[in-house]
Amino acid sequence: MTHLPSGTDKSIWVDADACPVVIRDIIVKAVRRTGIHCTFVANSPLPLPKLKQLRFYQVAKGYDEADNWIVAQVKPGDLVVTQDIPLADELLTAGACVL
């Protein structure tokens, strides 16, 4: 991950319902190193370290709740981490970068 210019409003969004712990840990390390804001979104609590750039948003339980919330929040150029192919397609169409 590269450093973004200071003052950038780009963010990382993580579809965290099925995110493996090892990937979550890599993302947290990247947030620490780069200072980029990152939001994990899931329908159940998720243990995360307390960092000012790191946020967690808990959505209601239900089909695609996290996906729908991410789509509503993401801006063109934001990075989204997900294993969900239909969500990735929707986000790419919206101008986000997807892993």
Protein backbone atom coordinates (compact mmCIF):
# COMPACT_ATOMS: atom_id res chain seq x y z
CA MET A 1 0.00 0.00 0.00
CA THR A 2 1.36 3.43 -0.85
CA HIS A 3 1.05 6.63 1.11
CA LEU A 4 -1.68 8.95 -0.09
CA PRO A 5 -1.08 12.69 -0.10
CA SER A 6 -1.85 14.35 3.23
CA GLY A 7 -5.37 15.69 3.41
CA THR A 8 -6.69 12.95 1.15
CA ASP A 9 -10.24 11.86 1.80
CA LYS A 10 -9.77 8.34 0.41
CA SER A 11 -10.72 5.49 2.71
CA ILE A 12 -10.50 1.74 3.03
CA TRP A 13 -13.75 -0.16 3.61
CA VAL A 14 -13.75 -3.79 4.70
CA ASP A 15 -16.68 -6.16 4.21
CA ALA A 16 -15.77 -7.81 7.50
CA ASP A 17 -18.49 -10.45 7.92
CA ALA A 18 -16.29 -13.11 6.32
CA CYS A 19 -12.91 -11.39 6.48
CA PRO A 20 -10.21 -13.82 7.70
CA VAL A 21 -8.33 -12.70 10.82
CA VAL A 22 -5.00 -12.76 8.98
CA ILE A 23 -6.35 -10.28 6.39
CA ARG A 24 -7.82 -8.09 9.12
CA ASP A 25 -4.40 -8.01 10.80
CA ILE A 26 -2.67 -7.03 7.55
CA ILE A 27 -5.16 -4.20 7.01
CA VAL A 28 -4.66 -2.94 10.58
CA LYS A 29 -0.88 -2.91 10.02
CA ALA A 30 -1.37 -0.94 6.81
CA VAL A 31 -3.59 1.58 8.63
CA ARG A 32 -0.94 2.02 11.33
CA ARG A 33 1.77 2.52 8.72
CA THR A 34 -0.08 4.83 6.34
CA GLY A 35 -2.60 6.65 8.53
CA ILE A 36 -5.39 6.02 6.01
CA HIS A 37 -8.89 5.84 7.50
CA CYS A 38 -10.41 2.37 7.46
CA THR A 39 -13.89 1.20 8.37
CA PHE A 40 -14.73 -2.44 9.07
CA VAL A 41 -18.41 -3.22 8.48
CA ALA A 42 -20.10 -6.34 9.86
CA ASN A 43 -23.34 -7.49 11.46
CA SER A 44 -21.65 -8.72 14.65
CA PRO A 45 -19.00 -7.20 16.94
CA LEU A 46 -15.41 -7.39 15.79
CA PRO A 47 -12.30 -6.99 17.98
CA LEU A 48 -10.12 -4.19 16.64
CA PRO A 49 -7.31 -2.16 18.19
CA LYS A 50 -8.08 1.39 19.26
CA LEU A 51 -6.65 3.63 16.56
CA LYS A 52 -8.07 7.00 15.55
CA GLN A 53 -7.98 5.99 11.86
CA LEU A 54 -9.78 2.71 12.50
CA ARG A 55 -13.56 2.48 12.78
CA PHE A 56 -16.12 -0.28 13.10
CA TYR A 57 -19.72 0.00 11.98
CA GLN A 58 -22.19 -2.71 13.00
CA VAL A 59 -25.15 -3.13 10.65
CA ALA A 60 -28.39 -4.98 11.36
CA LYS A 61 -28.37 -8.72 10.85
CA GLY A 62 -29.76 -9.61 7.48
CA TYR A 63 -28.93 -10.49 3.93
CA ASP A 64 -26.54 -7.97 2.30
CA GLU A 65 -26.92 -5.38 5.10
CA ALA A 66 -23.15 -4.78 5.26
CA ASP A 67 -22.89 -4.75 1.47
CA ASN A 68 -25.69 -2.21 1.09
CA TRP A 69 -24.20 0.05 3.77
CA ILE A 70 -20.77 -0.02 2.13
CA VAL A 71 -22.22 0.79 -1.30
CA ALA A 72 -24.06 3.78 0.20
CA GLN A 73 -20.88 5.13 1.84
CA VAL A 74 -18.10 4.49 -0.67
CA LYS A 75 -16.71 7.26 -2.86
CA PRO A 76 -14.88 6.91 -6.18
CA GLY A 77 -11.26 6.02 -5.52
CA ASP A 78 -11.93 4.40 -2.13
CA LEU A 79 -10.55 0.89 -1.62
CA VAL A 80 -12.94 -1.90 -0.60
CA VAL A 81 -11.79 -5.32 0.59
CA THR A 82 -14.36 -8.06 0.03
CA GLN A 83 -14.79 -11.68 -1.06
CA ASP A 84 -18.24 -10.92 -2.48
CA ILE A 85 -18.10 -10.88 -6.29
CA PRO A 86 -21.51 -9.20 -6.89
CA LEU A 87 -20.58 -6.51 -4.33
CA ALA A 88 -17.21 -6.02 -6.04
CA ASP A 89 -18.94 -5.55 -9.39
CA GLU A 90 -21.31 -2.94 -7.95
CA LEU A 91 -18.44 -1.08 -6.30
CA LEU A 92 -16.30 -1.08 -9.43
CA THR A 93 -19.22 0.42 -11.32
CA ALA A 94 -19.38 3.13 -8.62
CA GLY A 95 -15.71 3.96 -9.18
CA ALA A 96 -14.19 2.25 -6.14
CA CYS A 97 -11.08 0.09 -6.19
CA VAL A 98 -11.74 -3.45 -5.00
CA LEU A 99 -9.56 -6.25 -3.68
